[in-house]
Amino acid sequence: MATSEKDPTEPIRLEASRYLDVDKGTSCTQSSFKTGKKAFLYIGTQGGRYKAMFKLEGSKAEAAKLADKDPDHFEVGSTAWVTARFTAERPMPKKLWKKWLDESYALSAGSGGGSKKKASKKKASKKAKPKTGRK
């Protein structure tokens, strides 16, 4: 990869870091993004290309169709993880990675929603829940 090319993973990494309670780390050679102890994104370079792995449930069928059509760029694992491979010249479409990132975060955070606002509302509602009195 040429060092002068723009890294197409930067917008994805930036968006992933904006979710609630996100820890960024490293797993093997990939950057990892976790909420709690659950990963929702692995991203980095591999074999001269870029790679992003998302945990999907509702969009897994869509990912399978993309993998059937373009197996060089999409792969659906036997578990919930879906891998997208792309280049600076042919980056992953923003609409797709944004949808998958929201879903992956929601699954890992347990919010079921996928948006930052939904996750924060759930967290706020847990904090606002009053404790019961003594028996």
Protein backbone atom coordinates (compact mmCIF):
# COMPACT_ATOMS: atom_id res chain seq x y z
CA MET A 1 0.00 0.00 0.00
CA ALA A 2 1.28 3.40 -0.88
CA THR A 3 1.74 5.68 2.08
CA SER A 4 0.27 8.62 0.16
CA GLU A 5 -3.15 6.99 -0.29
CA LYS A 6 -5.96 7.96 2.03
CA ASP A 7 -6.82 5.30 4.62
CA PRO A 8 -10.49 4.36 4.02
CA THR A 9 -10.73 2.86 7.52
CA GLU A 10 -10.32 6.23 9.26
CA PRO A 11 -14.00 7.30 8.98
CA ILE A 12 -15.08 3.87 10.27
CA ARG A 13 -12.64 4.04 13.20
CA LEU A 14 -13.74 7.57 14.05
CA GLU A 15 -17.42 6.58 14.03
CA ALA A 16 -16.73 3.47 16.14
CA SER A 17 -14.94 5.56 18.76
CA ARG A 18 -18.00 7.82 19.16
CA TYR A 19 -20.26 5.15 20.66
CA LEU A 20 -20.81 4.96 24.42
CA ASP A 21 -18.27 3.11 26.59
CA VAL A 22 -15.91 2.10 23.79
CA ASP A 23 -12.45 0.74 24.46
CA LYS A 24 -9.98 0.66 21.60
CA GLY A 25 -7.28 -1.98 21.59
CA THR A 26 -5.37 -4.36 19.38
CA SER A 27 -6.07 -7.97 18.51
CA CYS A 28 -3.32 -9.62 16.48
CA THR A 29 -2.56 -6.94 13.87
CA GLN A 30 -6.05 -5.41 13.82
CA SER A 31 -7.49 -2.55 15.82
CA SER A 32 -10.36 -3.71 18.00
CA PHE A 33 -13.30 -1.73 19.31
CA LYS A 34 -15.19 -3.10 22.30
CA THR A 35 -18.03 -2.10 24.54
CA GLY A 36 -17.91 -3.78 27.91
CA LYS A 37 -15.95 -6.92 27.18
CA LYS A 38 -17.57 -7.57 23.80
CA ALA A 39 -15.92 -6.63 20.51
CA PHE A 40 -18.02 -5.06 17.79
CA LEU A 41 -15.35 -4.14 15.22
CA TYR A 42 -11.95 -5.39 14.12
CA ILE A 43 -10.31 -3.27 11.47
CA GLY A 44 -6.92 -2.88 9.82
CA THR A 45 -4.81 -3.99 6.91
CA GLN A 46 -4.29 -7.49 5.60
CA GLY A 47 -2.57 -8.70 2.46
CA GLY A 48 -2.24 -5.28 0.84
CA ARG A 49 -5.90 -4.42 1.43
CA TYR A 50 -8.05 -3.14 4.25
CA LYS A 51 -10.29 -5.39 6.29
CA ALA A 52 -13.22 -4.74 8.63
CA MET A 53 -15.09 -7.35 10.65
CA PHE A 54 -18.58 -6.66 11.98
CA LYS A 55 -20.83 -8.76 14.23
CA LEU A 56 -24.18 -9.03 12.42
CA GLU A 57 -27.54 -10.64 12.98
CA GLY A 58 -30.30 -8.82 11.06
CA SER A 59 -28.01 -7.90 8.15
CA LYS A 60 -26.37 -11.31 7.87
CA ALA A 61 -28.63 -12.33 4.95
CA GLU A 62 -27.68 -9.13 3.10
CA ALA A 63 -24.00 -9.90 3.78
CA ALA A 64 -24.45 -13.45 2.47
CA LYS A 65 -25.89 -12.11 -0.79
CA LEU A 66 -22.93 -9.74 -1.14
CA ALA A 67 -20.54 -12.62 -0.41
CA ASP A 68 -22.20 -14.78 -3.09
CA LYS A 69 -21.97 -11.94 -5.60
CA ASP A 70 -18.49 -10.71 -4.62
CA PRO A 71 -16.62 -13.34 -2.54
CA ASP A 72 -13.31 -11.51 -2.94
CA HIS A 73 -14.67 -8.58 -0.91
CA PHE A 74 -17.23 -10.11 1.48
CA GLU A 75 -17.15 -13.21 3.65
CA VAL A 76 -19.74 -14.49 6.11
CA GLY A 77 -18.33 -16.61 8.91
CA SER A 78 -20.01 -19.52 10.62
CA THR A 79 -20.66 -17.30 13.65
CA ALA A 80 -22.05 -13.77 13.63
CA TRP A 81 -18.91 -12.20 12.14
CA VAL A 82 -18.84 -10.78 8.61
CA THR A 83 -15.63 -9.64 6.93
CA ALA A 84 -15.41 -6.90 4.32
CA ARG A 85 -12.20 -6.39 2.33
CA PHE A 86 -11.59 -3.23 0.36
CA THR A 87 -8.98 -0.84 -1.02
CA ALA A 88 -8.50 2.91 -1.05
CA GLU A 89 -9.57 2.87 -4.71
CA ARG A 90 -12.66 0.80 -3.92
CA PRO A 91 -13.60 1.59 -0.31
CA MET A 92 -16.52 0.05 1.50
CA PRO A 93 -19.64 2.17 0.80
CA LYS A 94 -20.40 4.47 3.75
CA LYS A 95 -24.09 3.59 3.80
CA LEU A 96 -23.18 -0.10 4.20
CA TRP A 97 -20.43 0.21 6.82
CA LYS A 98 -22.49 2.69 8.85
CA LYS A 99 -25.47 0.30 8.93
CA TRP A 100 -23.27 -2.66 9.84
CA LEU A 101 -21.34 -0.70 12.45
CA ASP A 102 -24.54 0.44 14.17
CA GLU A 103 -25.87 -3.12 14.20
CA SER A 104 -22.59 -4.60 15.41
CA TYR A 105 -22.33 -2.11 18.26
CA ALA A 106 -25.97 -2.69 19.24
CA LEU A 107 -25.46 -6.45 19.40
CA SER A 108 -22.35 -6.10 21.55
CA ALA A 109 -23.83 -3.42 23.79
CA GLY A 110 -27.03 -5.40 24.18
CA SER A 111 -29.14 -2.36 23.28
CA GLY A 112 -30.79 -3.99 20.29
CA GLY A 113 -31.13 -0.53 18.74
CA GLY A 114 -27.95 0.39 16.98
CA SER A 115 -27.88 4.14 17.34
CA LYS A 116 -25.87 6.10 19.83
CA LYS A 117 -29.05 7.82 21.06
CA LYS A 118 -30.87 4.55 21.71
CA ALA A 119 -27.89 3.16 23.59
CA SER A 120 -27.63 6.30 25.72
CA LYS A 121 -31.37 6.29 26.48
CA LYS A 122 -31.17 2.71 27.68
CA LYS A 123 -28.18 3.50 29.84
CA ALA A 124 -29.92 6.56 31.26
CA SER A 125 -33.06 4.58 32.02
CA LYS A 126 -31.04 2.00 33.96
CA LYS A 127 -29.50 4.72 36.10
CA ALA A 128 -32.86 6.40 36.70
CA LYS A 129 -34.51 3.20 37.92
CA PRO A 130 -35.39 3.66 41.62
CA LYS A 131 -34.31 1.06 44.17
CA THR A 132 -36.99 -0.79 46.04
CA GLY A 133 -37.44 -0.32 49.79
CA ARG A 134 -36.57 -2.76 52.56
CA LYS A 135 -38.54 -5.91 53.17
